Amino acid sequence: MTAQPARPPAPPAEAVPDRRAGVRPLAGLTRRNAAREVLAGITLLAIAVPLNIGYAQIAGLPPTAGLYALVVPSILYALTVSSRQLVASPDAAAAALVASSIGGLAVAGSQDYITLALAQAIIGGVLFLLCAVFKLGFLANFLSKPSLICFVGGLALDILVSQVAKMLGITIDSGGEFVDKLVGVFSGLPTVNVWSSLIAAGSLLVLLAGRRIARVVPWALVVLIVATVVVVLTGAEKAGVDVLGKVEAGPPTLAWPAIDWTMWLALIPSAIALTMVTMGEGLLVSRSYGEKRGYRTDPNRDLFAFGLANVGAGLTGGFTVGSSTSRTAAVDQAGSRTQLPSLVTAVGTLALLVFGTALLEHIPSPAIGAIVAVAVVPLLGIPDLASLWRQDRFEFVIAVVCFLGALLLGPIAGIVIAFVLSVINVTGRAANPAIDTLAADGDPNASLLDTAEPGEPTVPGVVVIRLAAPLFFANSAVFEQAVKRAVRATSARHVVLDLEAVTDVDVTGADAFRSVHGWLADHNADLALSRLRPGLRERLEHLGLLDGVTVYETNRTALAALAPPPAG
């Protein structure tokens, strides 16, 4: 009797992929983890409220816009998304994009400005829904990680300058260009408010030291409470410390943004930019946490959830909702593995809007500035830039250009630059694929790289060439030149193209293939193919490229068939 091999130990339950995950709402929620998920929701609420108030100010909107974005959008997102942990909320990049794109169309803080922000969120939501329906999530792949990180880094530095001004009590045009803001900060140094600076310094000290002492404590909420108490007890408002002011009470209500159709059209470019940034960052973070925690995610369903969340934000007084990496990390560290914390946050925010807005009136702006500044510093991407410098200088240059483009030319131009440079980068790499000579008689440098059939001999008059990429417009000329060069170097009469690594051929590549076939015929050489993928064979037949071409199953059979008969 044959002994059965021992079964490997089962992985931890958390690491076993749940094939039902992403199919039902609140996947992963059980009675055993419900209490932990609720506590994680309270932690998320404590983090999200002060940050969303700060991001609303960055966007040029009232504090309620940031709070409204935590209610209906969070509920719609949590009940439809496939990711168990990704937190959807306005973030720093989205806030900066909103401010820069709408600032030229209306005065920040005005009713027209607010209406445009709502319309922009709805347009973005529709774009997300269209991407989900037509399964266009792959478009996010055209924003490479270096370009996306440094694009967000440029926005983060722009935000940081505004928060420094807020912490010092300096008045600048928060909707202006980066250089103007920087000049405003330096020129305003003689007007620094001492009380504002002290509150900001104390807030920064608590936030930074608190992280080292106990990460699970919502230090942003602690800072807001303590700073507000200090302002109320000392009368710092009379000394020139700016405070949040009266916050409108009441739950979010449904309303359609009534604007002219020309304004709807004017908002489309910025909505596309917001969609691309959120899509790129959101899908990347969603996939990484799914792989880390062992559950399946569906990119198109995630896009659908982002679409509903943004439409919900635009209809209920919020603004564009993106993915929050920092808050997702916070709930993950708190042990959350479901979307219940987002629902807890929505309920808690609604209660605050109905019963507790009076508590927000005396929150000092320097404290909010300190909270936002600490949140955006990691987004600067300095460690990533240093890593790129060591790994790939060309991608480092791309990242720096994206950083400067977002910073100096504005977010819309920055996202276009990031997208174009990413496409150029991938096209440039594909335009110079590896083209290996696997077997060539008379060529001492030829390498036998056919791993499926190692050690096969060379055959007089036969050259085997392998293209390690799809054959398309960017590399068709390189492919054609490589084949001609190999034939001239070996005086081959038979050319075998190993197409194992070729997954597709476009029209330009097909023209290059025909050109090579004709050139070989003019030079008394024939063409054969080996190791075709089934899908590629169908594609070549459709393009008419197999006429007069012999197809072999392997390189070995090709060499055996083309070998000259033995002498005598």
Foldseek 3Di string as FASTA:
>chain_A
DDDDDDDDDDDPPQQAADACQLVFFFPPDDPVCPVLLLLLLVLLLLLQLLQLQLLCVLLLEASVQQLQLLAQLLVLLRGQFRFFFWGKGDDQLNSQLNLQLLVVVDPRHDPLSLLLQLLLLLLLLVVLLVCLVVVVLCLLVLQPPLLLLLLLLLSLVLLLLVLVCLLQLFDADSSDASVRSNVSSVVRVVVGQPVSNVLLVVLLVQVVVVCVVDVLDSSLSVSQVVSLVVCVVVVCVVSRFDASAFDAADHFDFDRRDDDVVSSVSSNLSSVLLNSSQSNVVVVLSVVVCNVRNYDGDSSSSSNSLSSSSNSSSGGSYGRMGTDPVSSVNSVVSVGRGSVSSNSSNVVSNCCRHPNSVVRRRRTSSSSSSSSSVRSVVSSCPVVLVVCVVPPVVSSVLSVVLNCCCRGVHSSSSSVSSSVVSVVVVLVDQQDFDKAWQAAPPDPPHHNPPVVDPPDHHAQQEIEIETQEAQEDSHLVVVLVVVVVRCVVRVHQEYEYEDQNHDYYDPNNLVSLVVSQVVSVVSNHHYEYECDDPVHVVRCVVSVNCVRYHYYHHVNVVRVVPHDDDDD
